[in-house]
Each structure stands twice: as structure tokens, then as C-alpha cells.
Amino acid sequence: MRSMRDRPLIAAALSFAADAWTSFRRNGLMTAAAVTTITVALLVIGSAGLIGLNLRRVAAAVEAQVQVVAFLRDDLTGAEAERVRAAAAALPGVRAVRVVGRDEALRRLEAQLGDTVAFADLREANPLPDTLELDLQDPRRAPVVAAELARLRGVAEVGYGGQVVDRLLALTRGVRLL
């Protein structure tokens, strides 16, 4: 059973509903226009928010794939290669370092190219060097990390796709601003 205090609230709610229904009937076109405008505005705002969240997530995923790759000299011993790996891991801004041996690099190349190339000759005399793949904490530091890595003894060459990475970072920065 309802208390006496609830009766004025119920009466006010019923009065409000009756007034709203009367207003809807009298001004149907204006009511439909207002409801339609609010619906469209909420759809636009919701869609923009959803697109923004997805673009931010895509930008973060793309930036996480930026790597610096160091090609090691062929004449390095195992201990020297480990010393270079440890020095690379100690560089500021490096999250992880993976050593990719020449056999693994050849398997990756085969998987990427498929059956379009004959790999029988390459398996016998593998021309690919051992490499270090560096994952970065901040992809904007790729040029700095690459320059520091190139100074290490035992590193023959360093690559990070400079122009591609610069364009990629500019694009993701634009996406974040948008």
C-alpha cells in the first residue's frame, strides 16, 4: 500500500504525462522534428566516439609494430653476438630484443614468398645474416635507437624503414588529433 506522501508524486507524474501527450497531439510536427533532431544528433555523436576509439586502437596497434632491425656481421662468435644483444637490450627505449638466426630468417622468407621462388640453393648456402629485432617502448625513438645501435661493434647494418616510420607516425598523430 502506498503512503500518503507518494500520492502527490504519482499525481504530478500522471499530470506531466497527460500534459506531454496533449502537447504531442497539438504540436505533432514540431514534436517529431525535435525527436528526430535529437536522435540524429545522438547517432552522430555516438558514431564519432566509436570511430575515434577504433582509430586510436588501430594507431596504437600500428605503432606497436615498429621495429629496429640490426644485421650482425657474419664473423661474430656466439659470445660476441650475445654481447651485442645485451648491449642492444640495454639501450634506452628498447622494450625487447629477439635474436633471429639465419636459418629462422630463411624460413620466414620462404613463408612470405611461398612457392614462387626455388629455395633449394639458398638452403645450402644461406646468404641471410643473423639479426636482432628490437621492439621499442616509443616508436618515435626509432631513429635515435637505430643510430645508437649502428655504433655497436659487431653490427653490420641497421634498418627501421625511416621514411615509412616517419609517415606512419605522422599519420597516427593525425588520427589521434582527429
N, C-alpha and C. Protein backbone atom coordinates (compact mmCIF):
# COMPACT_ATOMS: atom_id res chain seq x y z
N MET A 1 0.84 -1.18 0.00
CA MET A 1 0.00 0.00 0.00
C MET A 1 0.88 1.24 0.00
N ARG A 2 0.48 2.22 -0.75
CA ARG A 2 1.27 3.42 -0.88
C ARG A 2 0.97 4.39 0.25
N SER A 3 1.99 5.13 0.63
CA SER A 3 1.81 6.09 1.72
C SER A 3 1.19 7.37 1.17
N MET A 4 0.81 8.20 2.04
CA MET A 4 0.17 9.47 1.68
C MET A 4 1.17 10.40 0.98
N ARG A 5 2.45 10.28 1.32
CA ARG A 5 3.45 11.15 0.71
C ARG A 5 3.66 10.81 -0.76
N ASP A 6 3.45 9.55 -1.18
CA ASP A 6 3.67 9.14 -2.56
C ASP A 6 2.56 9.64 -3.48
N ARG A 7 1.37 9.92 -2.96
CA ARG A 7 0.25 10.32 -3.80
C ARG A 7 0.51 11.61 -4.55
N PRO A 8 1.09 12.65 -3.96
CA PRO A 8 1.36 13.86 -4.75
C PRO A 8 2.38 13.61 -5.86
N LEU A 9 3.35 12.75 -5.62
CA LEU A 9 4.34 12.43 -6.65
C LEU A 9 3.70 11.70 -7.81
N ILE A 10 2.83 10.76 -7.50
CA ILE A 10 2.16 9.99 -8.55
C ILE A 10 1.24 10.91 -9.34
N ALA A 11 0.53 11.75 -8.63
CA ALA A 11 -0.38 12.69 -9.30
C ALA A 11 0.41 13.64 -10.19
N ALA A 12 1.58 14.10 -9.74
CA ALA A 12 2.40 15.01 -10.54
C ALA A 12 2.92 14.29 -11.78
N ALA A 13 3.33 13.03 -11.63
CA ALA A 13 3.83 12.27 -12.77
C ALA A 13 2.73 12.04 -13.79
N LEU A 14 1.54 11.69 -13.32
CA LEU A 14 0.42 11.48 -14.23
C LEU A 14 0.03 12.78 -14.92
N SER A 15 0.07 13.86 -14.20
CA SER A 15 -0.24 15.17 -14.78
C SER A 15 0.78 15.53 -15.84
N PHE A 16 2.05 15.28 -15.56
CA PHE A 16 3.12 15.55 -16.53
C PHE A 16 2.93 14.72 -17.79
N ALA A 17 2.61 13.42 -17.61
CA ALA A 17 2.41 12.54 -18.76
C ALA A 17 1.20 13.01 -19.58
N ALA A 18 0.14 13.42 -18.93
CA ALA A 18 -1.05 13.89 -19.64
C ALA A 18 -0.74 15.18 -20.40
N ASP A 19 -0.02 16.09 -19.76
CA ASP A 19 0.36 17.34 -20.44
C ASP A 19 1.27 17.07 -21.64
N ALA A 20 2.21 16.13 -21.50
CA ALA A 20 3.11 15.79 -22.60
C ALA A 20 2.33 15.20 -23.76
N TRP A 21 1.39 14.30 -23.46
CA TRP A 21 0.60 13.68 -24.53
C TRP A 21 -0.25 14.73 -25.24
N THR A 22 -0.84 15.65 -24.50
CA THR A 22 -1.63 16.71 -25.11
C THR A 22 -0.76 17.59 -26.00
N SER A 23 0.44 17.90 -25.52
CA SER A 23 1.37 18.70 -26.31
C SER A 23 1.80 17.96 -27.58
N PHE A 24 2.03 16.65 -27.47
CA PHE A 24 2.38 15.85 -28.66
C PHE A 24 1.27 15.90 -29.69
N ARG A 25 0.02 15.79 -29.24
CA ARG A 25 -1.11 15.80 -30.17
C ARG A 25 -1.29 17.16 -30.84
N ARG A 26 -1.14 18.22 -30.10
CA ARG A 26 -1.35 19.57 -30.63
C ARG A 26 -0.22 19.99 -31.57
N ASN A 27 1.02 19.64 -31.22
CA ASN A 27 2.18 20.08 -31.99
C ASN A 27 2.93 18.86 -32.53
N GLY A 28 2.28 17.99 -33.24
CA GLY A 28 2.86 16.74 -33.71
C GLY A 28 4.08 16.93 -34.60
N LEU A 29 3.99 17.87 -35.53
CA LEU A 29 5.10 18.07 -36.46
C LEU A 29 6.33 18.60 -35.73
N MET A 30 6.13 19.54 -34.85
CA MET A 30 7.26 20.09 -34.10
C MET A 30 7.86 19.04 -33.15
N THR A 31 7.01 18.22 -32.56
CA THR A 31 7.49 17.17 -31.68
C THR A 31 8.30 16.15 -32.47
N ALA A 32 7.80 15.74 -33.63
CA ALA A 32 8.53 14.78 -34.46
C ALA A 32 9.86 15.37 -34.92
N ALA A 33 9.88 16.65 -35.26
CA ALA A 33 11.13 17.30 -35.69
C ALA A 33 12.13 17.34 -34.54
N ALA A 34 11.67 17.64 -33.33
CA ALA A 34 12.57 17.71 -32.18
C ALA A 34 13.13 16.33 -31.84
N VAL A 35 12.27 15.31 -31.83
CA VAL A 35 12.71 13.95 -31.53
C VAL A 35 13.69 13.46 -32.59
N THR A 36 13.39 13.75 -33.85
CA THR A 36 14.27 13.34 -34.95
C THR A 36 15.62 14.04 -34.85
N THR A 37 15.62 15.32 -34.55
CA THR A 37 16.86 16.08 -34.42
C THR A 37 17.73 15.52 -33.29
N ILE A 38 17.11 15.25 -32.15
CA ILE A 38 17.85 14.70 -31.02
C ILE A 38 18.39 13.31 -31.36
N THR A 39 17.60 12.48 -32.04
CA THR A 39 18.04 11.14 -32.42
C THR A 39 19.23 11.20 -33.36
N VAL A 40 19.14 12.06 -34.37
CA VAL A 40 20.25 12.20 -35.32
C VAL A 40 21.50 12.72 -34.62
N ALA A 41 21.35 13.69 -33.74
CA ALA A 41 22.50 14.24 -33.02
C ALA A 41 23.17 13.17 -32.16
N LEU A 42 22.37 12.37 -31.47
CA LEU A 42 22.94 11.30 -30.64
C LEU A 42 23.63 10.24 -31.50
N LEU A 43 23.05 9.92 -32.66
CA LEU A 43 23.70 8.96 -33.56
C LEU A 43 25.03 9.49 -34.07
N VAL A 44 25.08 10.77 -34.44
CA VAL A 44 26.32 11.35 -34.94
C VAL A 44 27.38 11.38 -33.84
N ILE A 45 27.02 11.80 -32.65
CA ILE A 45 27.97 11.87 -31.55
C ILE A 45 28.45 10.46 -31.17
N GLY A 46 27.54 9.50 -31.10
CA GLY A 46 27.92 8.13 -30.78
C GLY A 46 28.82 7.52 -31.85
N SER A 47 28.49 7.76 -33.11
CA SER A 47 29.32 7.23 -34.20
C SER A 47 30.71 7.85 -34.18
N ALA A 48 30.77 9.16 -33.97
CA ALA A 48 32.07 9.82 -33.92
C ALA A 48 32.91 9.29 -32.75
N GLY A 49 32.29 9.05 -31.61
CA GLY A 49 33.01 8.49 -30.48
C GLY A 49 33.51 7.09 -30.76
N LEU A 50 32.68 6.27 -31.39
CA LEU A 50 33.06 4.91 -31.72
C LEU A 50 34.19 4.88 -32.76
N ILE A 51 34.09 5.72 -33.77
CA ILE A 51 35.14 5.80 -34.78
C ILE A 51 36.44 6.28 -34.14
N GLY A 52 36.35 7.27 -33.27
CA GLY A 52 37.54 7.79 -32.59
C GLY A 52 38.24 6.72 -31.76
N LEU A 53 37.47 5.95 -31.01
CA LEU A 53 38.06 4.87 -30.20
C LEU A 53 38.72 3.82 -31.08
N ASN A 54 38.06 3.45 -32.18
CA ASN A 54 38.64 2.45 -33.08
C ASN A 54 39.90 2.97 -33.76
N LEU A 55 39.89 4.22 -34.20
CA LEU A 55 41.08 4.79 -34.83
C LEU A 55 42.25 4.86 -33.84
N ARG A 56 41.97 5.21 -32.61
CA ARG A 56 43.02 5.26 -31.59
C ARG A 56 43.62 3.87 -31.36
N ARG A 57 42.75 2.86 -31.34
CA ARG A 57 43.22 1.49 -31.13
C ARG A 57 44.06 1.01 -32.32
N VAL A 58 43.63 1.35 -33.54
CA VAL A 58 44.39 0.97 -34.74
C VAL A 58 45.74 1.67 -34.74
N ALA A 59 45.76 2.96 -34.39
CA ALA A 59 47.02 3.71 -34.35
C ALA A 59 47.98 3.09 -33.34
N ALA A 60 47.49 2.70 -32.18
CA ALA A 60 48.35 2.08 -31.17
C ALA A 60 48.87 0.73 -31.65
N ALA A 61 48.03 -0.04 -32.34
CA ALA A 61 48.47 -1.34 -32.86
C ALA A 61 49.53 -1.18 -33.94
N VAL A 62 49.36 -0.18 -34.79
CA VAL A 62 50.35 0.05 -35.86
C VAL A 62 51.67 0.53 -35.26
N GLU A 63 51.61 1.42 -34.30
CA GLU A 63 52.84 1.91 -33.67
C GLU A 63 53.57 0.80 -32.91
N ALA A 64 52.83 -0.14 -32.38
CA ALA A 64 53.46 -1.24 -31.64
C ALA A 64 54.25 -2.17 -32.56
N GLN A 65 54.00 -2.10 -33.86
CA GLN A 65 54.70 -2.96 -34.81
C GLN A 65 55.98 -2.35 -35.34
N VAL A 66 56.30 -1.13 -34.95
CA VAL A 66 57.54 -0.50 -35.40
C VAL A 66 58.72 -1.21 -34.74
N GLN A 67 59.67 -1.63 -35.57
CA GLN A 67 60.84 -2.34 -35.06
C GLN A 67 62.10 -1.75 -35.68
N VAL A 68 63.19 -1.90 -34.94
CA VAL A 68 64.51 -1.59 -35.46
C VAL A 68 65.20 -2.94 -35.63
N VAL A 69 65.80 -3.16 -36.79
CA VAL A 69 66.46 -4.44 -37.09
C VAL A 69 67.94 -4.18 -37.30
N ALA A 70 68.78 -4.95 -36.58
CA ALA A 70 70.23 -4.85 -36.72
C ALA A 70 70.74 -6.13 -37.36
N PHE A 71 71.44 -5.98 -38.46
CA PHE A 71 72.05 -7.12 -39.14
C PHE A 71 73.46 -7.28 -38.58
N LEU A 72 73.75 -8.46 -38.07
CA LEU A 72 75.05 -8.72 -37.44
C LEU A 72 76.07 -9.16 -38.48
N ARG A 73 77.32 -8.87 -38.17
CA ARG A 73 78.41 -9.32 -39.07
C ARG A 73 78.49 -10.85 -39.07
N ASP A 74 78.92 -11.40 -40.18
CA ASP A 74 78.99 -12.86 -40.32
C ASP A 74 80.09 -13.48 -39.47
N ASP A 75 81.15 -12.72 -39.16
CA ASP A 75 82.30 -13.29 -38.47
C ASP A 75 82.19 -13.26 -36.95
N LEU A 76 81.01 -12.94 -36.41
CA LEU A 76 80.85 -12.89 -34.94
C LEU A 76 80.75 -14.29 -34.35
N THR A 77 81.39 -14.46 -33.21
CA THR A 77 81.23 -15.71 -32.46
C THR A 77 79.93 -15.63 -31.66
N GLY A 78 79.53 -16.73 -31.06
CA GLY A 78 78.31 -16.75 -30.26
C GLY A 78 78.39 -15.80 -29.08
N ALA A 79 79.56 -15.74 -28.44
CA ALA A 79 79.73 -14.85 -27.28
C ALA A 79 79.65 -13.38 -27.72
N GLU A 80 80.25 -13.07 -28.86
CA GLU A 80 80.20 -11.68 -29.35
C GLU A 80 78.77 -11.29 -29.74
N ALA A 81 78.05 -12.20 -30.36
CA ALA A 81 76.66 -11.93 -30.72
C ALA A 81 75.81 -11.70 -29.47
N GLU A 82 76.07 -12.46 -28.43
CA GLU A 82 75.35 -12.29 -27.16
C GLU A 82 75.70 -10.94 -26.52
N ARG A 83 76.96 -10.53 -26.64
CA ARG A 83 77.37 -9.23 -26.12
C ARG A 83 76.64 -8.10 -26.85
N VAL A 84 76.50 -8.21 -28.16
CA VAL A 84 75.78 -7.20 -28.95
C VAL A 84 74.31 -7.20 -28.55
N ARG A 85 73.72 -8.40 -28.36
CA ARG A 85 72.32 -8.47 -27.96
C ARG A 85 72.10 -7.81 -26.60
N ALA A 86 72.99 -8.07 -25.66
CA ALA A 86 72.87 -7.47 -24.32
C ALA A 86 73.02 -5.95 -24.39
N ALA A 87 73.95 -5.47 -25.22
CA ALA A 87 74.14 -4.02 -25.37
C ALA A 87 72.92 -3.39 -26.01
N ALA A 88 72.32 -4.08 -26.97
CA ALA A 88 71.11 -3.56 -27.63
C ALA A 88 69.95 -3.53 -26.65
N ALA A 89 69.83 -4.55 -25.81
CA ALA A 89 68.75 -4.59 -24.82
C ALA A 89 68.90 -3.49 -23.78
N ALA A 90 70.14 -3.05 -23.54
CA ALA A 90 70.39 -2.01 -22.54
C ALA A 90 70.15 -0.60 -23.07
N LEU A 91 69.93 -0.45 -24.37
CA LEU A 91 69.70 0.89 -24.93
C LEU A 91 68.40 1.46 -24.38
N PRO A 92 68.37 2.77 -24.11
CA PRO A 92 67.13 3.38 -23.59
C PRO A 92 66.02 3.33 -24.65
N GLY A 93 64.84 2.97 -24.21
CA GLY A 93 63.69 2.93 -25.11
C GLY A 93 63.45 1.58 -25.75
N VAL A 94 64.30 0.59 -25.47
CA VAL A 94 64.14 -0.74 -26.04
C VAL A 94 63.31 -1.59 -25.08
N ARG A 95 62.20 -2.14 -25.57
CA ARG A 95 61.33 -2.97 -24.75
C ARG A 95 61.80 -4.42 -24.77
N ALA A 96 62.14 -4.95 -25.95
CA ALA A 96 62.55 -6.36 -26.05
C ALA A 96 63.47 -6.52 -27.25
N VAL A 97 64.34 -7.53 -27.17
CA VAL A 97 65.27 -7.85 -28.25
C VAL A 97 65.12 -9.33 -28.56
N ARG A 98 64.91 -9.64 -29.83
CA ARG A 98 64.84 -11.03 -30.28
C ARG A 98 65.99 -11.30 -31.23
N VAL A 99 66.65 -12.41 -31.03
CA VAL A 99 67.71 -12.85 -31.94
C VAL A 99 67.05 -13.75 -32.98
N VAL A 100 67.25 -13.40 -34.25
CA VAL A 100 66.73 -14.21 -35.35
C VAL A 100 67.93 -14.76 -36.10
N GLY A 101 68.13 -16.07 -35.99
CA GLY A 101 69.23 -16.71 -36.67
C GLY A 101 69.01 -16.76 -38.17
N ARG A 102 70.06 -17.03 -38.89
CA ARG A 102 69.96 -17.02 -40.35
C ARG A 102 69.02 -18.11 -40.85
N ASP A 103 68.94 -19.25 -40.17
CA ASP A 103 68.02 -20.31 -40.59
C ASP A 103 66.57 -19.88 -40.39
N GLU A 104 66.30 -19.24 -39.25
CA GLU A 104 64.95 -18.73 -38.99
C GLU A 104 64.59 -17.65 -40.00
N ALA A 105 65.54 -16.79 -40.35
CA ALA A 105 65.28 -15.74 -41.33
C ALA A 105 64.93 -16.35 -42.69
N LEU A 106 65.62 -17.43 -43.06
CA LEU A 106 65.33 -18.10 -44.33
C LEU A 106 63.94 -18.74 -44.29
N ARG A 107 63.56 -19.34 -43.15
CA ARG A 107 62.21 -19.91 -43.03
C ARG A 107 61.14 -18.82 -43.15
N ARG A 108 61.38 -17.67 -42.55
CA ARG A 108 60.43 -16.56 -42.66
C ARG A 108 60.30 -16.09 -44.10
N LEU A 109 61.44 -16.00 -44.78
CA LEU A 109 61.43 -15.56 -46.18
C LEU A 109 60.66 -16.55 -47.04
N GLU A 110 60.86 -17.84 -46.80
CA GLU A 110 60.12 -18.87 -47.53
C GLU A 110 58.63 -18.74 -47.28
N ALA A 111 58.26 -18.50 -46.04
CA ALA A 111 56.84 -18.38 -45.70
C ALA A 111 56.21 -17.16 -46.37
N GLN A 112 56.96 -16.06 -46.47
CA GLN A 112 56.43 -14.85 -47.10
C GLN A 112 56.30 -14.99 -48.61
N LEU A 113 57.32 -15.59 -49.23
CA LEU A 113 57.32 -15.68 -50.69
C LEU A 113 56.59 -16.91 -51.21
N GLY A 114 56.43 -17.91 -50.37
CA GLY A 114 55.72 -19.10 -50.79
C GLY A 114 56.50 -19.90 -51.81
N ASP A 115 55.79 -20.52 -52.73
CA ASP A 115 56.41 -21.41 -53.71
C ASP A 115 56.86 -20.67 -54.97
N THR A 116 56.86 -19.35 -54.94
CA THR A 116 57.22 -18.60 -56.15
C THR A 116 58.71 -18.61 -56.42
N VAL A 117 59.52 -18.92 -55.42
CA VAL A 117 60.97 -18.91 -55.58
C VAL A 117 61.51 -20.28 -55.19
N ALA A 118 62.52 -20.74 -55.91
CA ALA A 118 63.16 -22.00 -55.57
C ALA A 118 64.19 -21.75 -54.46
N PHE A 119 63.98 -22.36 -53.31
CA PHE A 119 64.84 -22.13 -52.15
C PHE A 119 65.89 -23.22 -51.95
N ALA A 120 65.95 -24.18 -52.83
CA ALA A 120 66.90 -25.29 -52.64
C ALA A 120 68.33 -24.79 -52.59
N ASP A 121 68.72 -23.88 -53.49
CA ASP A 121 70.08 -23.34 -53.49
C ASP A 121 70.34 -22.48 -52.26
N LEU A 122 69.33 -21.77 -51.81
CA LEU A 122 69.52 -20.89 -50.64
C LEU A 122 69.70 -21.70 -49.36
N ARG A 123 69.08 -22.86 -49.28
CA ARG A 123 69.22 -23.67 -48.06
C ARG A 123 70.65 -24.17 -47.88
N GLU A 124 71.33 -24.45 -48.99
CA GLU A 124 72.70 -24.94 -48.92
C GLU A 124 73.68 -23.84 -48.52
N ALA A 125 73.53 -22.65 -49.11
CA ALA A 125 74.42 -21.53 -48.81
C ALA A 125 73.55 -20.33 -48.43
N ASN A 126 73.09 -20.31 -47.22
CA ASN A 126 72.18 -19.27 -46.75
C ASN A 126 72.90 -17.91 -46.72
N PRO A 127 72.44 -16.95 -47.55
CA PRO A 127 73.11 -15.64 -47.59
C PRO A 127 72.61 -14.66 -46.53
N LEU A 128 71.59 -15.04 -45.78
CA LEU A 128 70.99 -14.12 -44.81
C LEU A 128 71.83 -14.05 -43.54
N PRO A 129 71.97 -12.87 -42.96
CA PRO A 129 72.75 -12.74 -41.71
C PRO A 129 71.88 -12.99 -40.48
N ASP A 130 72.51 -13.21 -39.36
CA ASP A 130 71.80 -13.22 -38.08
C ASP A 130 71.36 -11.79 -37.81
N THR A 131 70.20 -11.64 -37.20
CA THR A 131 69.68 -10.30 -36.94
C THR A 131 69.17 -10.18 -35.51
N LEU A 132 69.07 -8.94 -35.08
CA LEU A 132 68.42 -8.60 -33.81
C LEU A 132 67.20 -7.76 -34.16
N GLU A 133 66.05 -8.13 -33.63
CA GLU A 133 64.83 -7.36 -33.81
C GLU A 133 64.51 -6.67 -32.49
N LEU A 134 64.46 -5.35 -32.51
CA LEU A 134 64.22 -4.58 -31.29
C LEU A 134 62.81 -4.01 -31.30
N ASP A 135 62.04 -4.33 -30.28
CA ASP A 135 60.74 -3.71 -30.07
C ASP A 135 60.97 -2.49 -29.20
N LEU A 136 60.30 -1.39 -29.55
CA LEU A 136 60.54 -0.12 -28.86
C LEU A 136 59.38 0.25 -27.95
N GLN A 137 59.71 0.95 -26.88
CA GLN A 137 58.67 1.47 -25.99
C GLN A 137 57.95 2.63 -26.65
N ASP A 138 58.69 3.46 -27.36
CA ASP A 138 58.12 4.62 -28.05
C ASP A 138 58.63 4.60 -29.49
N PRO A 139 57.75 4.39 -30.47
CA PRO A 139 58.21 4.28 -31.85
C PRO A 139 58.85 5.57 -32.39
N ARG A 140 58.60 6.69 -31.74
CA ARG A 140 59.23 7.94 -32.20
C ARG A 140 60.74 7.95 -31.94
N ARG A 141 61.21 7.04 -31.09
CA ARG A 141 62.64 6.95 -30.80
C ARG A 141 63.38 6.04 -31.77
N ALA A 142 62.71 5.53 -32.79
CA ALA A 142 63.34 4.60 -33.73
C ALA A 142 64.61 5.17 -34.36
N PRO A 143 64.63 6.42 -34.85
CA PRO A 143 65.88 6.92 -35.44
C PRO A 143 67.03 7.00 -34.43
N VAL A 144 66.74 7.39 -33.21
CA VAL A 144 67.78 7.51 -32.17
C VAL A 144 68.32 6.13 -31.81
N VAL A 145 67.40 5.16 -31.61
CA VAL A 145 67.83 3.81 -31.26
C VAL A 145 68.64 3.21 -32.42
N ALA A 146 68.20 3.45 -33.65
CA ALA A 146 68.92 2.92 -34.81
C ALA A 146 70.34 3.49 -34.88
N ALA A 147 70.48 4.78 -34.62
CA ALA A 147 71.80 5.41 -34.65
C ALA A 147 72.70 4.84 -33.56
N GLU A 148 72.18 4.67 -32.36
CA GLU A 148 72.97 4.10 -31.26
C GLU A 148 73.33 2.64 -31.54
N LEU A 149 72.41 1.91 -32.13
CA LEU A 149 72.66 0.51 -32.45
C LEU A 149 73.73 0.37 -33.53
N ALA A 150 73.76 1.28 -34.49
CA ALA A 150 74.74 1.22 -35.57
C ALA A 150 76.17 1.41 -35.04
N ARG A 151 76.31 2.06 -33.89
CA ARG A 151 77.64 2.30 -33.31
C ARG A 151 78.20 1.07 -32.59
N LEU A 152 77.36 0.09 -32.32
CA LEU A 152 77.84 -1.10 -31.59
C LEU A 152 78.76 -1.93 -32.47
N ARG A 153 79.83 -2.42 -31.88
CA ARG A 153 80.77 -3.27 -32.60
C ARG A 153 80.10 -4.62 -32.86
N GLY A 154 80.12 -5.06 -34.10
CA GLY A 154 79.50 -6.32 -34.48
C GLY A 154 78.24 -6.15 -35.29
N VAL A 155 77.74 -4.91 -35.37
CA VAL A 155 76.55 -4.63 -36.16
C VAL A 155 77.00 -4.16 -37.53
N ALA A 156 76.54 -4.86 -38.57
CA ALA A 156 76.93 -4.52 -39.95
C ALA A 156 76.04 -3.41 -40.51
N GLU A 157 74.74 -3.51 -40.23
CA GLU A 157 73.79 -2.55 -40.80
C GLU A 157 72.56 -2.49 -39.91
N VAL A 158 71.88 -1.34 -39.91
CA VAL A 158 70.67 -1.16 -39.12
C VAL A 158 69.59 -0.61 -40.03
N GLY A 159 68.39 -1.13 -39.86
CA GLY A 159 67.26 -0.63 -40.63
C GLY A 159 66.04 -0.49 -39.76
N TYR A 160 65.25 0.52 -40.06
CA TYR A 160 63.97 0.67 -39.37
C TYR A 160 62.91 1.24 -40.30
N GLY A 161 63.22 1.37 -41.58
CA GLY A 161 62.24 1.90 -42.52
C GLY A 161 61.97 3.37 -42.27
N GLY A 162 63.01 4.17 -42.20
CA GLY A 162 62.94 5.57 -41.78
C GLY A 162 61.79 6.37 -42.35
N GLN A 163 61.68 6.49 -43.66
CA GLN A 163 60.63 7.32 -44.25
C GLN A 163 59.25 6.74 -43.97
N VAL A 164 59.14 5.43 -44.03
CA VAL A 164 57.85 4.78 -43.77
C VAL A 164 57.44 5.02 -42.33
N VAL A 165 58.38 4.85 -41.41
CA VAL A 165 58.06 5.06 -39.99
C VAL A 165 57.69 6.52 -39.73
N ASP A 166 58.41 7.46 -40.34
CA ASP A 166 58.09 8.87 -40.15
C ASP A 166 56.68 9.19 -40.66
N ARG A 167 56.34 8.68 -41.82
CA ARG A 167 54.98 8.90 -42.37
C ARG A 167 53.93 8.22 -41.51
N LEU A 168 54.24 7.02 -41.07
CA LEU A 168 53.32 6.28 -40.22
C LEU A 168 53.05 7.02 -38.92
N LEU A 169 54.09 7.54 -38.30
CA LEU A 169 53.92 8.28 -37.04
C LEU A 169 53.15 9.58 -37.26
N ALA A 170 53.39 10.24 -38.40
CA ALA A 170 52.62 11.46 -38.71
C ALA A 170 51.15 11.11 -38.90
N LEU A 171 50.88 10.00 -39.57
CA LEU A 171 49.50 9.57 -39.78
C LEU A 171 48.82 9.23 -38.47
N THR A 172 49.49 8.47 -37.61
CA THR A 172 48.87 8.11 -36.34
C THR A 172 48.70 9.34 -35.44
N ARG A 173 49.61 10.30 -35.53
CA ARG A 173 49.45 11.54 -34.76
C ARG A 173 48.21 12.29 -35.26
N GLY A 174 48.02 12.33 -36.58
CA GLY A 174 46.83 12.97 -37.15
C GLY A 174 45.55 12.27 -36.73
N VAL A 175 45.59 10.94 -36.70
CA VAL A 175 44.42 10.18 -36.27
C VAL A 175 44.08 10.49 -34.82
N ARG A 176 45.11 10.60 -33.99
CA ARG A 176 44.85 10.91 -32.57
C ARG A 176 44.27 12.32 -32.41
N LEU A 177 44.77 13.27 -33.21
CA LEU A 177 44.24 14.63 -33.13
C LEU A 177 42.79 14.68 -33.60
N LEU A 178 42.50 13.90 -34.65
CA LEU A 178 41.14 13.86 -35.18
C LEU A 178 40.20 13.32 -34.12
